Amino acid sequence: MDKKGQGISINVIIVAVIALVVLVVLVAIFTGRIAIFQRGVGDVNERLTSLKVQYGDCHPTLTQEIAFKAEFAKADSTAARQAVEDTLMAEINRCKFSSDKSGCEAAGCKWS
């Protein structure tokens, strides 16, 4: 009796090994990039939280906070980040001058 072996061909094995290597390389690349992204997002959120401590009843809007996050994340130097922080701090101080809800909203701020 002449029986052929029941198994997978060498071509399938080679393709599977190559696919596995490519998958491992992609995982290594993306996990490194995601870690960098998370570190940057953590810095932005941490800085915004520390600025929010200074909020009063009248404070910048959500749109202004989102703009701060975007600009802070794009800033490529300490001086640029400081300029973005100064801009939000100026908004916080401007909003603090409103002592009632109508004045706050008229100034383009949010009342809480």
N, C-alpha and C. Protein backbone atom coordinates (compact mmCIF):
# COMPACT_ATOMS: atom_id res chain seq x y z
N MET A 1 0.82 -1.17 0.00
CA MET A 1 0.00 0.00 0.00
C MET A 1 0.88 1.24 0.00
N ASP A 2 0.49 2.15 -0.83
CA ASP A 2 1.23 3.38 -0.97
C ASP A 2 0.37 4.54 -0.48
N LYS A 3 0.61 5.01 0.75
CA LYS A 3 -0.18 6.10 1.31
C LYS A 3 0.66 7.37 1.37
N LYS A 4 0.02 8.49 1.06
CA LYS A 4 0.70 9.78 1.21
C LYS A 4 0.45 10.28 2.62
N GLY A 5 1.39 11.03 3.15
CA GLY A 5 1.23 11.59 4.49
C GLY A 5 0.15 12.67 4.51
N GLN A 6 -0.61 12.67 5.57
CA GLN A 6 -1.64 13.68 5.76
C GLN A 6 -1.06 14.81 6.61
N GLY A 7 -0.78 15.93 6.01
CA GLY A 7 -0.20 17.05 6.74
C GLY A 7 -0.25 18.31 5.91
N ILE A 8 0.25 19.37 6.51
CA ILE A 8 0.24 20.63 5.78
C ILE A 8 1.53 20.75 4.99
N SER A 9 1.45 21.46 3.88
CA SER A 9 2.62 21.57 3.01
C SER A 9 3.65 22.54 3.60
N ILE A 10 4.83 22.49 3.09
CA ILE A 10 5.91 23.36 3.55
C ILE A 10 5.59 24.82 3.22
N ASN A 11 4.88 25.05 2.11
CA ASN A 11 4.50 26.42 1.73
C ASN A 11 3.59 27.05 2.78
N VAL A 12 2.66 26.32 3.30
CA VAL A 12 1.75 26.83 4.32
C VAL A 12 2.52 27.16 5.59
N ILE A 13 3.46 26.33 5.94
CA ILE A 13 4.28 26.57 7.13
C ILE A 13 5.10 27.84 6.97
N ILE A 14 5.71 28.04 5.83
CA ILE A 14 6.54 29.23 5.57
C ILE A 14 5.68 30.50 5.63
N VAL A 15 4.53 30.47 4.98
CA VAL A 15 3.64 31.62 5.00
C VAL A 15 3.17 31.93 6.43
N ALA A 16 2.87 30.92 7.21
CA ALA A 16 2.44 31.13 8.58
C ALA A 16 3.55 31.76 9.43
N VAL A 17 4.77 31.32 9.25
CA VAL A 17 5.91 31.87 10.00
C VAL A 17 6.13 33.34 9.61
N ILE A 18 6.07 33.64 8.32
CA ILE A 18 6.24 35.02 7.87
C ILE A 18 5.13 35.90 8.44
N ALA A 19 3.90 35.43 8.40
CA ALA A 19 2.78 36.19 8.94
C ALA A 19 2.96 36.44 10.44
N LEU A 20 3.44 35.45 11.16
CA LEU A 20 3.67 35.60 12.59
C LEU A 20 4.75 36.65 12.87
N VAL A 21 5.82 36.63 12.10
CA VAL A 21 6.89 37.62 12.27
C VAL A 21 6.37 39.04 12.00
N VAL A 22 5.60 39.19 10.93
CA VAL A 22 5.03 40.50 10.60
C VAL A 22 4.10 40.97 11.72
N LEU A 23 3.30 40.07 12.24
CA LEU A 23 2.39 40.42 13.33
C LEU A 23 3.15 40.88 14.57
N VAL A 24 4.21 40.20 14.91
CA VAL A 24 5.02 40.58 16.08
C VAL A 24 5.64 41.95 15.87
N VAL A 25 6.15 42.22 14.67
CA VAL A 25 6.74 43.52 14.38
C VAL A 25 5.69 44.63 14.47
N LEU A 26 4.51 44.41 13.92
CA LEU A 26 3.45 45.40 14.00
C LEU A 26 3.03 45.68 15.44
N VAL A 27 2.92 44.66 16.24
CA VAL A 27 2.56 44.84 17.65
C VAL A 27 3.64 45.67 18.36
N ALA A 28 4.90 45.38 18.08
CA ALA A 28 5.98 46.13 18.71
C ALA A 28 5.94 47.60 18.31
N ILE A 29 5.67 47.86 17.04
CA ILE A 29 5.61 49.25 16.57
C ILE A 29 4.45 49.99 17.21
N PHE A 30 3.26 49.40 17.17
CA PHE A 30 2.09 50.10 17.67
C PHE A 30 2.07 50.24 19.18
N THR A 31 2.58 49.29 19.92
CA THR A 31 2.60 49.45 21.37
C THR A 31 3.56 50.56 21.76
N GLY A 32 4.63 50.72 21.05
CA GLY A 32 5.54 51.83 21.31
C GLY A 32 4.90 53.16 21.01
N ARG A 33 4.18 53.27 19.91
CA ARG A 33 3.51 54.51 19.52
C ARG A 33 2.37 54.83 20.48
N ILE A 34 1.64 53.84 20.89
CA ILE A 34 0.53 54.06 21.80
C ILE A 34 1.05 54.55 23.15
N ALA A 35 2.16 54.04 23.60
CA ALA A 35 2.74 54.49 24.87
C ALA A 35 3.13 55.96 24.78
N ILE A 36 3.70 56.37 23.64
CA ILE A 36 4.07 57.78 23.46
C ILE A 36 2.81 58.64 23.46
N PHE A 37 1.77 58.18 22.76
CA PHE A 37 0.51 58.92 22.70
C PHE A 37 -0.11 59.06 24.08
N GLN A 38 -0.14 57.97 24.85
CA GLN A 38 -0.74 58.00 26.19
C GLN A 38 0.03 58.94 27.11
N ARG A 39 1.34 58.96 26.96
CA ARG A 39 2.17 59.84 27.79
C ARG A 39 1.83 61.30 27.48
N GLY A 40 1.67 61.64 26.19
CA GLY A 40 1.31 62.99 25.78
C GLY A 40 -0.06 63.39 26.27
N VAL A 41 -1.03 62.50 26.13
CA VAL A 41 -2.39 62.79 26.58
C VAL A 41 -2.41 62.96 28.10
N GLY A 42 -1.65 62.16 28.81
CA GLY A 42 -1.57 62.29 30.27
C GLY A 42 -1.04 63.65 30.69
N ASP A 43 -0.03 64.16 29.97
CA ASP A 43 0.52 65.48 30.27
C ASP A 43 -0.53 66.57 30.08
N VAL A 44 -1.28 66.48 28.98
CA VAL A 44 -2.29 67.49 28.69
C VAL A 44 -3.38 67.47 29.75
N ASN A 45 -3.90 66.29 30.05
CA ASN A 45 -4.97 66.18 31.05
C ASN A 45 -4.51 66.61 32.43
N GLU A 46 -3.29 66.26 32.77
CA GLU A 46 -2.75 66.65 34.08
C GLU A 46 -2.64 68.17 34.19
N ARG A 47 -2.18 68.82 33.13
CA ARG A 47 -2.02 70.27 33.15
C ARG A 47 -3.38 70.96 33.20
N LEU A 48 -4.35 70.45 32.42
CA LEU A 48 -5.69 71.05 32.43
C LEU A 48 -6.34 70.89 33.80
N THR A 49 -6.17 69.76 34.42
CA THR A 49 -6.73 69.53 35.76
C THR A 49 -6.14 70.52 36.76
N SER A 50 -4.84 70.75 36.67
CA SER A 50 -4.23 71.70 37.61
C SER A 50 -4.72 73.12 37.36
N LEU A 51 -5.06 73.45 36.12
CA LEU A 51 -5.61 74.78 35.84
C LEU A 51 -7.07 74.88 36.27
N LYS A 52 -7.80 73.78 36.20
CA LYS A 52 -9.21 73.78 36.60
C LYS A 52 -9.40 74.08 38.08
N VAL A 53 -8.39 73.83 38.88
CA VAL A 53 -8.47 74.12 40.31
C VAL A 53 -8.75 75.61 40.53
N GLN A 54 -8.32 76.43 39.59
CA GLN A 54 -8.48 77.87 39.72
C GLN A 54 -9.83 78.37 39.21
N TYR A 55 -10.64 77.46 38.65
CA TYR A 55 -11.97 77.86 38.16
C TYR A 55 -12.84 78.32 39.32
N GLY A 56 -13.72 79.24 39.03
CA GLY A 56 -14.75 79.64 39.98
C GLY A 56 -16.10 79.18 39.43
N ASP A 57 -17.17 79.88 39.81
CA ASP A 57 -18.48 79.55 39.26
C ASP A 57 -18.55 79.82 37.77
N CYS A 58 -17.87 80.86 37.33
CA CYS A 58 -17.83 81.22 35.92
C CYS A 58 -16.46 80.79 35.38
N HIS A 59 -16.46 79.96 34.37
CA HIS A 59 -15.19 79.41 33.87
C HIS A 59 -15.25 79.22 32.36
N PRO A 60 -14.09 78.94 31.72
CA PRO A 60 -14.07 78.75 30.28
C PRO A 60 -14.99 77.59 29.85
N THR A 61 -15.43 77.66 28.60
CA THR A 61 -16.34 76.65 28.07
C THR A 61 -15.59 75.37 27.71
N LEU A 62 -16.34 74.33 27.45
CA LEU A 62 -15.77 73.06 27.03
C LEU A 62 -15.00 73.22 25.72
N THR A 63 -15.52 74.04 24.84
CA THR A 63 -14.83 74.30 23.56
C THR A 63 -13.46 74.90 23.80
N GLN A 64 -13.36 75.82 24.74
CA GLN A 64 -12.07 76.43 25.06
C GLN A 64 -11.11 75.42 25.68
N GLU A 65 -11.64 74.50 26.48
CA GLU A 65 -10.80 73.46 27.07
C GLU A 65 -10.28 72.51 25.99
N ILE A 66 -11.15 72.15 25.04
CA ILE A 66 -10.74 71.26 23.96
C ILE A 66 -9.67 71.94 23.11
N ALA A 67 -9.85 73.23 22.85
CA ALA A 67 -8.84 73.97 22.08
C ALA A 67 -7.51 74.00 22.83
N PHE A 68 -7.58 74.16 24.16
CA PHE A 68 -6.36 74.13 24.97
C PHE A 68 -5.66 72.78 24.82
N LYS A 69 -6.43 71.69 24.92
CA LYS A 69 -5.83 70.35 24.80
C LYS A 69 -5.15 70.17 23.45
N ALA A 70 -5.81 70.59 22.38
CA ALA A 70 -5.25 70.43 21.04
C ALA A 70 -3.97 71.24 20.87
N GLU A 71 -4.01 72.49 21.30
CA GLU A 71 -2.83 73.36 21.16
C GLU A 71 -1.67 72.89 22.05
N PHE A 72 -2.00 72.47 23.26
CA PHE A 72 -0.97 72.00 24.19
C PHE A 72 -0.29 70.75 23.64
N ALA A 73 -1.09 69.85 23.06
CA ALA A 73 -0.53 68.61 22.50
C ALA A 73 0.36 68.91 21.29
N LYS A 74 0.02 69.93 20.51
CA LYS A 74 0.81 70.27 19.33
C LYS A 74 2.07 71.04 19.67
N ALA A 75 2.10 71.68 20.83
CA ALA A 75 3.25 72.50 21.20
C ALA A 75 4.51 71.65 21.27
N ASP A 76 5.56 72.12 20.62
CA ASP A 76 6.78 71.31 20.53
C ASP A 76 7.91 71.79 21.43
N SER A 77 7.63 72.80 22.25
CA SER A 77 8.67 73.28 23.17
C SER A 77 8.02 73.74 24.47
N THR A 78 8.84 73.90 25.46
CA THR A 78 8.34 74.36 26.75
C THR A 78 7.76 75.77 26.64
N ALA A 79 8.39 76.60 25.86
CA ALA A 79 7.90 77.98 25.68
C ALA A 79 6.53 77.98 25.00
N ALA A 80 6.36 77.12 24.02
CA ALA A 80 5.08 77.05 23.31
C ALA A 80 3.98 76.54 24.24
N ARG A 81 4.31 75.56 25.06
CA ARG A 81 3.33 75.04 26.03
C ARG A 81 2.96 76.12 27.05
N GLN A 82 3.95 76.88 27.46
CA GLN A 82 3.69 77.96 28.43
C GLN A 82 2.78 79.02 27.81
N ALA A 83 2.97 79.31 26.54
CA ALA A 83 2.12 80.29 25.86
C ALA A 83 0.67 79.81 25.80
N VAL A 84 0.48 78.51 25.55
CA VAL A 84 -0.87 77.95 25.51
C VAL A 84 -1.50 78.01 26.90
N GLU A 85 -0.72 77.68 27.93
CA GLU A 85 -1.22 77.77 29.31
C GLU A 85 -1.60 79.21 29.66
N ASP A 86 -0.76 80.15 29.25
CA ASP A 86 -1.04 81.57 29.53
C ASP A 86 -2.34 82.02 28.88
N THR A 87 -2.61 81.52 27.68
CA THR A 87 -3.85 81.87 26.99
C THR A 87 -5.06 81.37 27.76
N LEU A 88 -5.02 80.11 28.23
CA LEU A 88 -6.14 79.58 29.01
C LEU A 88 -6.24 80.30 30.35
N MET A 89 -5.12 80.61 30.95
CA MET A 89 -5.14 81.32 32.23
C MET A 89 -5.78 82.70 32.07
N ALA A 90 -5.52 83.36 30.95
CA ALA A 90 -6.15 84.65 30.68
C ALA A 90 -7.66 84.50 30.57
N GLU A 91 -8.11 83.41 29.94
CA GLU A 91 -9.55 83.14 29.84
C GLU A 91 -10.16 82.88 31.22
N ILE A 92 -9.45 82.12 32.04
CA ILE A 92 -9.93 81.84 33.40
C ILE A 92 -10.09 83.15 34.16
N ASN A 93 -9.09 84.00 34.08
CA ASN A 93 -9.13 85.28 34.80
C ASN A 93 -10.24 86.19 34.26
N ARG A 94 -10.44 86.18 32.94
CA ARG A 94 -11.49 86.99 32.34
C ARG A 94 -12.86 86.52 32.82
N CYS A 95 -13.04 85.21 32.90
CA CYS A 95 -14.33 84.67 33.34
C CYS A 95 -14.58 84.93 34.83
N LYS A 96 -13.53 84.98 35.62
CA LYS A 96 -13.68 85.20 37.06
C LYS A 96 -14.32 86.54 37.40
N PHE A 97 -14.23 87.50 36.48
CA PHE A 97 -14.79 88.83 36.75
C PHE A 97 -16.31 88.83 36.75
N SER A 98 -16.94 87.83 36.18
CA SER A 98 -18.40 87.76 36.15
C SER A 98 -18.90 87.14 37.44
N SER A 99 -19.78 87.85 38.12
CA SER A 99 -20.26 87.35 39.41
C SER A 99 -21.66 86.74 39.33
N ASP A 100 -22.31 86.85 38.17
CA ASP A 100 -23.63 86.25 38.04
C ASP A 100 -23.73 85.48 36.72
N LYS A 101 -24.76 84.66 36.60
CA LYS A 101 -24.89 83.76 35.46
C LYS A 101 -25.05 84.53 34.15
N SER A 102 -25.87 85.57 34.14
CA SER A 102 -26.10 86.30 32.89
C SER A 102 -24.83 87.01 32.41
N GLY A 103 -24.09 87.60 33.34
CA GLY A 103 -22.83 88.25 32.98
C GLY A 103 -21.79 87.24 32.51
N CYS A 104 -21.80 86.09 33.12
CA CYS A 104 -20.86 85.03 32.75
C CYS A 104 -21.12 84.57 31.31
N GLU A 105 -22.37 84.27 31.03
CA GLU A 105 -22.71 83.77 29.70
C GLU A 105 -22.53 84.87 28.64
N ALA A 106 -22.78 86.14 29.01
CA ALA A 106 -22.57 87.24 28.08
C ALA A 106 -21.08 87.41 27.75
N ALA A 107 -20.22 87.01 28.69
CA ALA A 107 -18.77 87.11 28.46
C ALA A 107 -18.23 85.92 27.66
N GLY A 108 -19.10 84.97 27.30
CA GLY A 108 -18.67 83.81 26.54
C GLY A 108 -18.10 82.70 27.40
N CYS A 109 -18.48 82.71 28.67
CA CYS A 109 -18.01 81.69 29.60
C CYS A 109 -19.16 80.79 30.00
N LYS A 110 -18.88 79.82 30.85
CA LYS A 110 -19.89 78.87 31.30
C LYS A 110 -20.09 79.01 32.81
N TRP A 111 -21.33 79.03 33.24
CA TRP A 111 -21.66 79.13 34.65
C TRP A 111 -21.94 77.73 35.19
N SER A 112 -21.36 77.42 36.35
CA SER A 112 -21.65 76.10 36.94
C SER A 112 -22.33 76.22 38.27
